[in-house]
Amino acid sequence: MFIQTSLKAIAPDEWFTVGCPKKNTQFNEDKWNGLPVISPTIPHDFTYISEYEDSQKAAAIFGRLYGPRARQYFLERQQSHFTWRLKIEVSRVKK
């Protein structure tokens, strides 16, 4: 059984729009984390929602990944979802 949580209960509406963030950015640098790259480096921001059947399952999974404090967090709040705001940065490695 999959329970769908209202997106508004999780994060602001703008996080779920296709254009979020609203402007495209690029970085024109020669290195990324010390690795030589060919400019530009293009970041892609997005929101990912992990949703589970109930708080027990969410607590079991996050407890196993992040430890007992994470498990307790989900159990105390009876929370069955978790929202991640992620960024992928795309560039080519200089050879």
PDB file of N, CA and C in Angstrom:
ATOM      1  N   MET A   1       0.839  -1.179   0.000  1.00  0.00           N
ATOM      2  CA  MET A   1       0.000   0.000   0.000  1.00  0.00           C
ATOM      3  C   MET A   1       0.885   1.243   0.000  1.00  0.00           C
ATOM      4  N   PHE A   2       0.678   2.123  -0.920  1.00  0.00           N
ATOM      5  CA  PHE A   2       1.458   3.355  -1.025  1.00  0.00           C
ATOM      6  C   PHE A   2       0.559   4.521  -0.636  1.00  0.00           C
ATOM      7  N   ILE A   3       1.015   5.309   0.314  1.00  0.00           N
ATOM      8  CA  ILE A   3       0.252   6.457   0.786  1.00  0.00           C
ATOM      9  C   ILE A   3       0.869   7.714   0.208  1.00  0.00           C
ATOM     10  N   GLN A   4       0.084   8.543  -0.423  1.00  0.00           N
ATOM     11  CA  GLN A   4       0.616   9.762  -1.020  1.00  0.00           C
ATOM     12  C   GLN A   4       0.375  10.939  -0.080  1.00  0.00           C
ATOM     13  N   THR A   5       1.449  11.607   0.274  1.00  0.00           N
ATOM     14  CA  THR A   5       1.377  12.780   1.128  1.00  0.00           C
ATOM     15  C   THR A   5       1.198  14.016   0.262  1.00  0.00           C
ATOM     16  N   SER A   6       0.474  14.972   0.762  1.00  0.00           N
ATOM     17  CA  SER A   6       0.314  16.237   0.046  1.00  0.00           C
ATOM     18  C   SER A   6       1.670  16.918  -0.075  1.00  0.00           C
ATOM     19  N   LEU A   7       2.035  17.331  -1.276  1.00  0.00           N
ATOM     20  CA  LEU A   7       3.315  18.001  -1.476  1.00  0.00           C
ATOM     21  C   LEU A   7       3.411  19.277  -0.661  1.00  0.00           C
ATOM     22  N   LYS A   8       2.306  19.977  -0.489  1.00  0.00           N
ATOM     23  CA  LYS A   8       2.309  21.224   0.282  1.00  0.00           C
ATOM     24  C   LYS A   8       2.681  20.978   1.737  1.00  0.00           C
ATOM     25  N   ALA A   9       2.428  19.769   2.236  1.00  0.00           N
ATOM     26  CA  ALA A   9       2.769  19.445   3.615  1.00  0.00           C
ATOM     27  C   ALA A   9       4.266  19.181   3.768  1.00  0.00           C
ATOM     28  N   ILE A  10       4.960  18.984   2.666  1.00  0.00           N
ATOM     29  CA  ILE A  10       6.366  18.609   2.712  1.00  0.00           C
ATOM     30  C   ILE A  10       7.299  19.785   2.468  1.00  0.00           C
ATOM     31  N   ALA A  11       7.033  20.577   1.451  1.00  0.00           N
ATOM     32  CA  ALA A  11       7.949  21.652   1.065  1.00  0.00           C
ATOM     33  C   ALA A  11       7.185  22.737   0.315  1.00  0.00           C
ATOM     34  N   PRO A  12       7.804  23.903   0.150  1.00  0.00           N
ATOM     35  CA  PRO A  12       7.147  24.989  -0.588  1.00  0.00           C
ATOM     36  C   PRO A  12       6.838  24.595  -2.037  1.00  0.00           C
ATOM     37  N   ASP A  13       5.759  25.145  -2.573  1.00  0.00           N
ATOM     38  CA  ASP A  13       5.331  24.825  -3.944  1.00  0.00           C
ATOM     39  C   ASP A  13       6.433  25.016  -4.976  1.00  0.00           C
ATOM     40  N   GLU A  14       7.232  26.090  -4.838  1.00  0.00           N
ATOM     41  CA  GLU A  14       8.227  26.383  -5.871  1.00  0.00           C
ATOM     42  C   GLU A  14       9.280  25.276  -6.003  1.00  0.00           C
ATOM     43  N   TRP A  15       9.482  24.453  -4.973  1.00  0.00           N
ATOM     44  CA  TRP A  15      10.452  23.357  -5.065  1.00  0.00           C
ATOM     45  C   TRP A  15      10.022  22.295  -6.062  1.00  0.00           C
ATOM     46  N   PHE A  16       8.742  22.252  -6.386  1.00  0.00           N
ATOM     47  CA  PHE A  16       8.228  21.196  -7.245  1.00  0.00           C
ATOM     48  C   PHE A  16       7.910  21.682  -8.651  1.00  0.00           C
ATOM     49  N   THR A  17       8.212  22.933  -8.952  1.00  0.00           N
ATOM     50  CA  THR A  17       7.988  23.431 -10.305  1.00  0.00           C
ATOM     51  C   THR A  17       9.180  23.056 -11.173  1.00  0.00           C
ATOM     52  N   VAL A  18       8.912  22.862 -12.433  1.00  0.00           N
ATOM     53  CA  VAL A  18       9.950  22.427 -13.365  1.00  0.00           C
ATOM     54  C   VAL A  18      11.119  23.399 -13.400  1.00  0.00           C
ATOM     55  N   GLY A  19      10.844  24.683 -13.299  1.00  0.00           N
ATOM     56  CA  GLY A  19      11.898  25.676 -13.414  1.00  0.00           C
ATOM     57  C   GLY A  19      12.599  26.035 -12.119  1.00  0.00           C
ATOM     58  N   CYS A  20      12.438  25.274 -11.071  1.00  0.00           N
ATOM     59  CA  CYS A  20      13.063  25.625  -9.792  1.00  0.00           C
ATOM     60  C   CYS A  20      14.487  25.088  -9.758  1.00  0.00           C
ATOM     61  N   PRO A  21      15.492  25.885  -9.509  1.00  0.00           N
ATOM     62  CA  PRO A  21      15.417  27.324  -9.314  1.00  0.00           C
ATOM     63  C   PRO A  21      15.053  28.016 -10.623  1.00  0.00           C
ATOM     64  N   LYS A  22      14.520  29.200 -10.517  1.00  0.00           N
ATOM     65  CA  LYS A  22      13.935  29.869 -11.670  1.00  0.00           C
ATOM     66  C   LYS A  22      14.928  30.286 -12.744  1.00  0.00           C
ATOM     67  N   LYS A  23      16.184  30.472 -12.407  1.00  0.00           N
ATOM     68  CA  LYS A  23      17.137  30.859 -13.444  1.00  0.00           C
ATOM     69  C   LYS A  23      18.207  29.784 -13.596  1.00  0.00           C
ATOM     70  N   ASN A  24      18.650  29.607 -14.815  1.00  0.00           N
ATOM     71  CA  ASN A  24      19.719  28.650 -15.081  1.00  0.00           C
ATOM     72  C   ASN A  24      21.057  29.296 -14.758  1.00  0.00           C
ATOM     73  N   THR A  25      21.938  28.521 -14.184  1.00  0.00           N
ATOM     74  CA  THR A  25      23.253  29.038 -13.844  1.00  0.00           C
ATOM     75  C   THR A  25      24.322  28.135 -14.445  1.00  0.00           C
ATOM     76  N   GLN A  26      25.492  28.699 -14.602  1.00  0.00           N
ATOM     77  CA  GLN A  26      26.656  27.951 -15.056  1.00  0.00           C
ATOM     78  C   GLN A  26      27.860  28.465 -14.291  1.00  0.00           C
ATOM     79  N   PHE A  27      28.824  27.584 -14.095  1.00  0.00           N
ATOM     80  CA  PHE A  27      30.078  27.984 -13.484  1.00  0.00           C
ATOM     81  C   PHE A  27      31.170  27.842 -14.526  1.00  0.00           C
ATOM     82  N   ASN A  28      31.921  28.886 -14.735  1.00  0.00           N
ATOM     83  CA  ASN A  28      33.009  28.860 -15.708  1.00  0.00           C
ATOM     84  C   ASN A  28      34.327  28.825 -14.949  1.00  0.00           C
ATOM     85  N   GLU A  29      34.633  27.664 -14.395  1.00  0.00           N
ATOM     86  CA  GLU A  29      35.868  27.489 -13.648  1.00  0.00           C
ATOM     87  C   GLU A  29      36.650  26.327 -14.242  1.00  0.00           C
ATOM     88  N   ASP A  30      37.959  26.334 -14.007  1.00  0.00           N
ATOM     89  CA  ASP A  30      38.822  25.288 -14.551  1.00  0.00           C
ATOM     90  C   ASP A  30      38.880  24.040 -13.683  1.00  0.00           C
ATOM     91  N   LYS A  31      38.400  24.143 -12.437  1.00  0.00           N
ATOM     92  CA  LYS A  31      38.447  22.987 -11.530  1.00  0.00           C
ATOM     93  C   LYS A  31      37.125  22.826 -10.804  1.00  0.00           C
ATOM     94  N   TRP A  32      36.787  21.572 -10.531  1.00  0.00           N
ATOM     95  CA  TRP A  32      35.636  21.224  -9.715  1.00  0.00           C
ATOM     96  C   TRP A  32      36.124  20.244  -8.661  1.00  0.00           C
ATOM     97  N   ASN A  33      36.075  20.645  -7.413  1.00  0.00           N
ATOM     98  CA  ASN A  33      36.596  19.820  -6.307  1.00  0.00           C
ATOM     99  C   ASN A  33      38.029  19.355  -6.571  1.00  0.00           C
ATOM    100  N   GLY A  34      38.838  20.227  -7.132  1.00  0.00           N
ATOM    101  CA  GLY A  34      40.238  19.912  -7.388  1.00  0.00           C
ATOM    102  C   GLY A  34      40.487  19.144  -8.667  1.00  0.00           C
ATOM    103  N   LEU A  35      39.442  18.769  -9.373  1.00  0.00           N
ATOM    104  CA  LEU A  35      39.561  17.995 -10.609  1.00  0.00           C
ATOM    105  C   LEU A  35      39.493  18.949 -11.797  1.00  0.00           C
ATOM    106  N   PRO A  36      40.449  18.865 -12.746  1.00  0.00           N
ATOM    107  CA  PRO A  36      40.390  19.756 -13.905  1.00  0.00           C
ATOM    108  C   PRO A  36      39.184  19.424 -14.794  1.00  0.00           C
ATOM    109  N   VAL A  37      38.405  20.452 -15.142  1.00  0.00           N
ATOM    110  CA  VAL A  37      37.217  20.265 -15.973  1.00  0.00           C
ATOM    111  C   VAL A  37      37.208  21.262 -17.120  1.00  0.00           C
ATOM    112  N   ILE A  38      36.396  20.963 -18.123  1.00  0.00           N
ATOM    113  CA  ILE A  38      36.181  21.863 -19.251  1.00  0.00           C
ATOM    114  C   ILE A  38      34.900  22.641 -18.956  1.00  0.00           C
ATOM    115  N   SER A  39      34.981  23.968 -18.941  1.00  0.00           N
ATOM    116  CA  SER A  39      33.810  24.802 -18.649  1.00  0.00           C
ATOM    117  C   SER A  39      32.771  24.666 -19.746  1.00  0.00           C
ATOM    118  N   PRO A  40      31.512  24.872 -19.450  1.00  0.00           N
ATOM    119  CA  PRO A  40      30.961  25.243 -18.158  1.00  0.00           C
ATOM    120  C   PRO A  40      30.562  24.012 -17.341  1.00  0.00           C
ATOM    121  N   THR A  41      30.417  24.221 -16.048  1.00  0.00           N
ATOM    122  CA  THR A  41      29.803  23.234 -15.161  1.00  0.00           C
ATOM    123  C   THR A  41      28.370  23.710 -14.941  1.00  0.00           C
ATOM    124  N   ILE A  42      27.399  22.830 -15.182  1.00  0.00           N
ATOM    125  CA  ILE A  42      25.992  23.214 -15.122  1.00  0.00           C
ATOM    126  C   ILE A  42      25.312  22.472 -13.960  1.00  0.00           C
ATOM    127  N   PRO A  43      24.817  23.209 -12.962  1.00  0.00           N
ATOM    128  CA  PRO A  43      24.113  22.562 -11.850  1.00  0.00           C
ATOM    129  C   PRO A  43      22.629  22.335 -12.165  1.00  0.00           C
ATOM    130  N   HIS A  44      22.096  21.218 -11.697  1.00  0.00           N
ATOM    131  CA  HIS A  44      20.674  20.901 -11.813  1.00  0.00           C
ATOM    132  C   HIS A  44      20.149  20.659 -10.404  1.00  0.00           C
ATOM    133  N   ASP A  45      19.280  21.538  -9.912  1.00  0.00           N
ATOM    134  CA  ASP A  45      18.662  21.381  -8.602  1.00  0.00           C
ATOM    135  C   ASP A  45      17.322  20.672  -8.765  1.00  0.00           C
ATOM    136  N   PHE A  46      17.016  19.766  -7.835  1.00  0.00           N
ATOM    137  CA  PHE A  46      15.721  19.092  -7.885  1.00  0.00           C
ATOM    138  C   PHE A  46      15.329  18.593  -6.500  1.00  0.00           C
ATOM    139  N   THR A  47      14.057  18.269  -6.365  1.00  0.00           N
ATOM    140  CA  THR A  47      13.508  17.769  -5.115  1.00  0.00           C
ATOM    141  C   THR A  47      13.121  16.310  -5.300  1.00  0.00           C
ATOM    142  N   TYR A  48      13.517  15.488  -4.344  1.00  0.00           N
ATOM    143  CA  TYR A  48      13.170  14.062  -4.364  1.00  0.00           C
ATOM    144  C   TYR A  48      12.436  13.745  -3.073  1.00  0.00           C
ATOM    145  N   ILE A  49      11.321  13.037  -3.181  1.00  0.00           N
ATOM    146  CA  ILE A  49      10.550  12.660  -2.003  1.00  0.00           C
ATOM    147  C   ILE A  49      10.619  11.151  -1.822  1.00  0.00           C
ATOM    148  N   SER A  50      11.085  10.731  -0.639  1.00  0.00           N
ATOM    149  CA  SER A  50      11.047   9.313  -0.265  1.00  0.00           C
ATOM    150  C   SER A  50       9.796   9.136   0.571  1.00  0.00           C
ATOM    151  N   GLU A  51       8.888   8.283   0.127  1.00  0.00           N
ATOM    152  CA  GLU A  51       7.647   8.074   0.868  1.00  0.00           C
ATOM    153  C   GLU A  51       7.443   6.583   1.102  1.00  0.00           C
ATOM    154  N   TYR A  52       7.073   6.229   2.334  1.00  0.00           N
ATOM    155  CA  TYR A  52       6.921   4.842   2.749  1.00  0.00           C
ATOM    156  C   TYR A  52       5.501   4.609   3.254  1.00  0.00           C
ATOM    157  N   GLU A  53       5.129   3.348   3.400  1.00  0.00           N
ATOM    158  CA  GLU A  53       3.768   3.008   3.827  1.00  0.00           C
ATOM    159  C   GLU A  53       3.392   3.639   5.162  1.00  0.00           C
ATOM    160  N   ASP A  54       4.311   3.626   6.099  1.00  0.00           N
ATOM    161  CA  ASP A  54       4.027   4.183   7.419  1.00  0.00           C
ATOM    162  C   ASP A  54       5.327   4.602   8.091  1.00  0.00           C
ATOM    163  N   SER A  55       5.200   5.218   9.255  1.00  0.00           N
ATOM    164  CA  SER A  55       6.380   5.727   9.957  1.00  0.00           C
ATOM    165  C   SER A  55       7.292   4.596  10.433  1.00  0.00           C
ATOM    166  N   GLN A  56       6.735   3.427  10.702  1.00  0.00           N
ATOM    167  CA  GLN A  56       7.546   2.284  11.132  1.00  0.00           C
ATOM    168  C   GLN A  56       8.543   1.870  10.033  1.00  0.00           C
ATOM    169  N   LYS A  57       8.066   1.819   8.808  1.00  0.00           N
ATOM    170  CA  LYS A  57       8.946   1.437   7.694  1.00  0.00           C
ATOM    171  C   LYS A  57       9.985   2.521   7.416  1.00  0.00           C
ATOM    172  N   ALA A  58       9.558   3.778   7.451  1.00  0.00           N
ATOM    173  CA  ALA A  58      10.511   4.873   7.254  1.00  0.00           C
ATOM    174  C   ALA A  58      11.570   4.838   8.352  1.00  0.00           C
ATOM    175  N   ALA A  59      11.147   4.627   9.602  1.00  0.00           N
ATOM    176  CA  ALA A  59      12.077   4.566  10.732  1.00  0.00           C
ATOM    177  C   ALA A  59      13.055   3.411  10.573  1.00  0.00           C
ATOM    178  N   ALA A  60      12.574   2.270  10.115  1.00  0.00           N
ATOM    179  CA  ALA A  60      13.444   1.100   9.939  1.00  0.00           C
ATOM    180  C   ALA A  60      14.510   1.371   8.877  1.00  0.00           C
ATOM    181  N   ILE A  61      14.113   1.949   7.755  1.00  0.00           N
ATOM    182  CA  ILE A  61      15.062   2.207   6.665  1.00  0.00           C
ATOM    183  C   ILE A  61      16.062   3.293   7.047  1.00  0.00           C
ATOM    184  N   PHE A  62      15.573   4.433   7.516  1.00  0.00           N
ATOM    185  CA  PHE A  62      16.486   5.521   7.863  1.00  0.00           C
ATOM    186  C   PHE A  62      17.308   5.194   9.106  1.00  0.00           C
ATOM    187  N   GLY A  63      16.751   4.406  10.012  1.00  0.00           N
ATOM    188  CA  GLY A  63      17.516   3.955  11.174  1.00  0.00           C
ATOM    189  C   GLY A  63      18.684   3.081  10.770  1.00  0.00           C
ATOM    190  N   ARG A  64      18.454   2.226   9.805  1.00  0.00           N
ATOM    191  CA  ARG A  64      19.528   1.362   9.326  1.00  0.00           C
ATOM    192  C   ARG A  64      20.603   2.157   8.588  1.00  0.00           C
ATOM    193  N   LEU A  65      20.188   3.157   7.826  1.00  0.00           N
ATOM    194  CA  LEU A  65      21.145   3.971   7.072  1.00  0.00           C
ATOM    195  C   LEU A  65      21.895   4.970   7.946  1.00  0.00           C
ATOM    196  N   TYR A  66      21.164   5.637   8.861  1.00  0.00           N
ATOM    197  CA  TYR A  66      21.745   6.765   9.593  1.00  0.00           C
ATOM    198  C   TYR A  66      21.835   6.574  11.103  1.00  0.00           C
ATOM    199  N   GLY A  67      21.331   5.469  11.618  1.00  0.00           N
ATOM    200  CA  GLY A  67      21.486   5.176  13.041  1.00  0.00           C
ATOM    201  C   GLY A  67      20.227   5.414  13.864  1.00  0.00           C
ATOM    202  N   PRO A  68      20.349   5.140  15.178  1.00  0.00           N
ATOM    203  CA  PRO A  68      19.181   5.174  16.064  1.00  0.00           C
ATOM    204  C   PRO A  68      18.527   6.545  16.210  1.00  0.00           C
ATOM    205  N   ARG A  69      19.292   7.628  16.094  1.00  0.00           N
ATOM    206  CA  ARG A  69      18.681   8.959  16.209  1.00  0.00           C
ATOM    207  C   ARG A  69      17.736   9.225  15.040  1.00  0.00           C
ATOM    208  N   ALA A  70      18.116   8.782  13.850  1.00  0.00           N
ATOM    209  CA  ALA A  70      17.243   8.940  12.683  1.00  0.00           C
ATOM    210  C   ALA A  70      15.980   8.095  12.859  1.00  0.00           C
ATOM    211  N   ARG A  71      16.153   6.886  13.347  1.00  0.00           N
ATOM    212  CA  ARG A  71      14.994   6.007  13.600  1.00  0.00           C
ATOM    213  C   ARG A  71      14.026   6.667  14.573  1.00  0.00           C
ATOM    214  N   GLN A  72      14.551   7.200  15.641  1.00  0.00           N
ATOM    215  CA  GLN A  72      13.725   7.848  16.659  1.00  0.00           C
ATOM    216  C   GLN A  72      13.005   9.073  16.102  1.00  0.00           C
ATOM    217  N   TYR A  73      13.678   9.815  15.239  1.00  0.00           N
ATOM    218  CA  TYR A  73      13.095  11.003  14.598  1.00  0.00           C
ATOM    219  C   TYR A  73      11.785  10.649  13.890  1.00  0.00           C
ATOM    220  N   PHE A  74      11.801   9.597  13.082  1.00  0.00           N
ATOM    221  CA  PHE A  74      10.613   9.202  12.327  1.00  0.00           C
ATOM    222  C   PHE A  74       9.523   8.641  13.234  1.00  0.00           C
ATOM    223  N   LEU A  75       9.930   7.879  14.246  1.00  0.00           N
ATOM    224  CA  LEU A  75       8.944   7.308  15.156  1.00  0.00           C
ATOM    225  C   LEU A  75       8.248   8.385  15.986  1.00  0.00           C
ATOM    226  N   GLU A  76       9.007   9.322  16.514  1.00  0.00           N
ATOM    227  CA  GLU A  76       8.423  10.377  17.345  1.00  0.00           C
ATOM    228  C   GLU A  76       7.450  11.245  16.555  1.00  0.00           C
ATOM    229  N   ARG A  77       7.764  11.513  15.316  1.00  0.00           N
ATOM    230  CA  ARG A  77       6.926  12.388  14.493  1.00  0.00           C
ATOM    231  C   ARG A  77       5.857  11.621  13.715  1.00  0.00           C
ATOM    232  N   GLN A  78       5.909  10.300  13.781  1.00  0.00           N
ATOM    233  CA  GLN A  78       5.022   9.437  12.988  1.00  0.00           C
ATOM    234  C   GLN A  78       5.048   9.874  11.526  1.00  0.00           C
ATOM    235  N   GLN A  79       6.269  10.073  11.044  1.00  0.00           N
ATOM    236  CA  GLN A  79       6.495  10.593   9.695  1.00  0.00           C
ATOM    237  C   GLN A  79       6.833   9.454   8.748  1.00  0.00           C
ATOM    238  N   SER A  80       6.138   9.418   7.606  1.00  0.00           N
ATOM    239  CA  SER A  80       6.358   8.344   6.638  1.00  0.00           C
ATOM    240  C   SER A  80       7.041   8.831   5.364  1.00  0.00           C
ATOM    241  N   HIS A  81       7.497  10.076   5.345  1.00  0.00           N
ATOM    242  CA  HIS A  81       8.130  10.623   4.147  1.00  0.00           C
ATOM    243  C   HIS A  81       9.355  11.451   4.538  1.00  0.00           C
ATOM    244  N   PHE A  82      10.199  11.670   3.561  1.00  0.00           N
ATOM    245  CA  PHE A  82      11.381  12.503   3.756  1.00  0.00           C
ATOM    246  C   PHE A  82      11.676  13.190   2.436  1.00  0.00           C
ATOM    247  N   THR A  83      11.940  14.484   2.482  1.00  0.00           N
ATOM    248  CA  THR A  83      12.210  15.252   1.269  1.00  0.00           C
ATOM    249  C   THR A  83      13.683  15.615   1.192  1.00  0.00           C
ATOM    250  N   TRP A  84      14.266  15.392   0.045  1.00  0.00           N
ATOM    251  CA  TRP A  84      15.670  15.726  -0.196  1.00  0.00           C
ATOM    252  C   TRP A  84      15.718  16.826  -1.233  1.00  0.00           C
ATOM    253  N   ARG A  85      16.492  17.846  -0.993  1.00  0.00           N
ATOM    254  CA  ARG A  85      16.761  18.869  -2.011  1.00  0.00           C
ATOM    255  C   ARG A  85      18.161  18.572  -2.509  1.00  0.00           C
ATOM    256  N   LEU A  86      18.290  18.174  -3.757  1.00  0.00           N
ATOM    257  CA  LEU A  86      19.552  17.681  -4.299  1.00  0.00           C
ATOM    258  C   LEU A  86      20.051  18.546  -5.453  1.00  0.00           C
ATOM    259  N   LYS A  87      21.340  18.406  -5.720  1.00  0.00           N
ATOM    260  CA  LYS A  87      21.961  19.119  -6.835  1.00  0.00           C
ATOM    261  C   LYS A  87      22.914  18.161  -7.548  1.00  0.00           C
ATOM    262  N   ILE A  88      22.811  18.141  -8.857  1.00  0.00           N
ATOM    263  CA  ILE A  88      23.756  17.410  -9.689  1.00  0.00           C
ATOM    264  C   ILE A  88      24.503  18.456 -10.512  1.00  0.00           C
ATOM    265  N   GLU A  89      25.814  18.387 -10.511  1.00  0.00           N
ATOM    266  CA  GLU A  89      26.597  19.323 -11.316  1.00  0.00           C
ATOM    267  C   GLU A  89      27.245  18.549 -12.459  1.00  0.00           C
ATOM    268  N   VAL A  90      26.989  19.009 -13.679  1.00  0.00           N
ATOM    269  CA  VAL A  90      27.430  18.309 -14.879  1.00  0.00           C
ATOM    270  C   VAL A  90      28.565  19.111 -15.531  1.00  0.00           C
ATOM    271  N   SER A  91      29.655  18.404 -15.829  1.00  0.00           N
ATOM    272  CA  SER A  91      30.775  19.009 -16.527  1.00  0.00           C
ATOM    273  C   SER A  91      31.566  17.892 -17.209  1.00  0.00           C
ATOM    274  N   ARG A  92      32.518  18.277 -18.024  1.00  0.00           N
ATOM    275  CA  ARG A  92      33.393  17.295 -18.674  1.00  0.00           C
ATOM    276  C   ARG A  92      34.775  17.375 -18.027  1.00  0.00           C
ATOM    277  N   VAL A  93      35.357  16.211 -17.781  1.00  0.00           N
ATOM    278  CA  VAL A  93      36.699  16.156 -17.183  1.00  0.00           C
ATOM    279  C   VAL A  93      37.731  16.453 -18.253  1.00  0.00           C
ATOM    280  N   LYS A  94      38.666  17.319 -17.893  1.00  0.00           N
ATOM    281  CA  LYS A  94      39.743  17.674 -18.814  1.00  0.00           C
ATOM    282  C   LYS A  94      40.765  16.539 -18.807  1.00  0.00           C
ATOM    283  N   LYS A  95      41.163  16.053 -19.989  1.00  0.00           N
ATOM    284  CA  LYS A  95      42.136  14.947 -20.065  1.00  0.00           C
ATOM    285  C   LYS A  95      43.531  15.460 -20.276  1.00  0.00           C
TER     286      LYS A  95
END
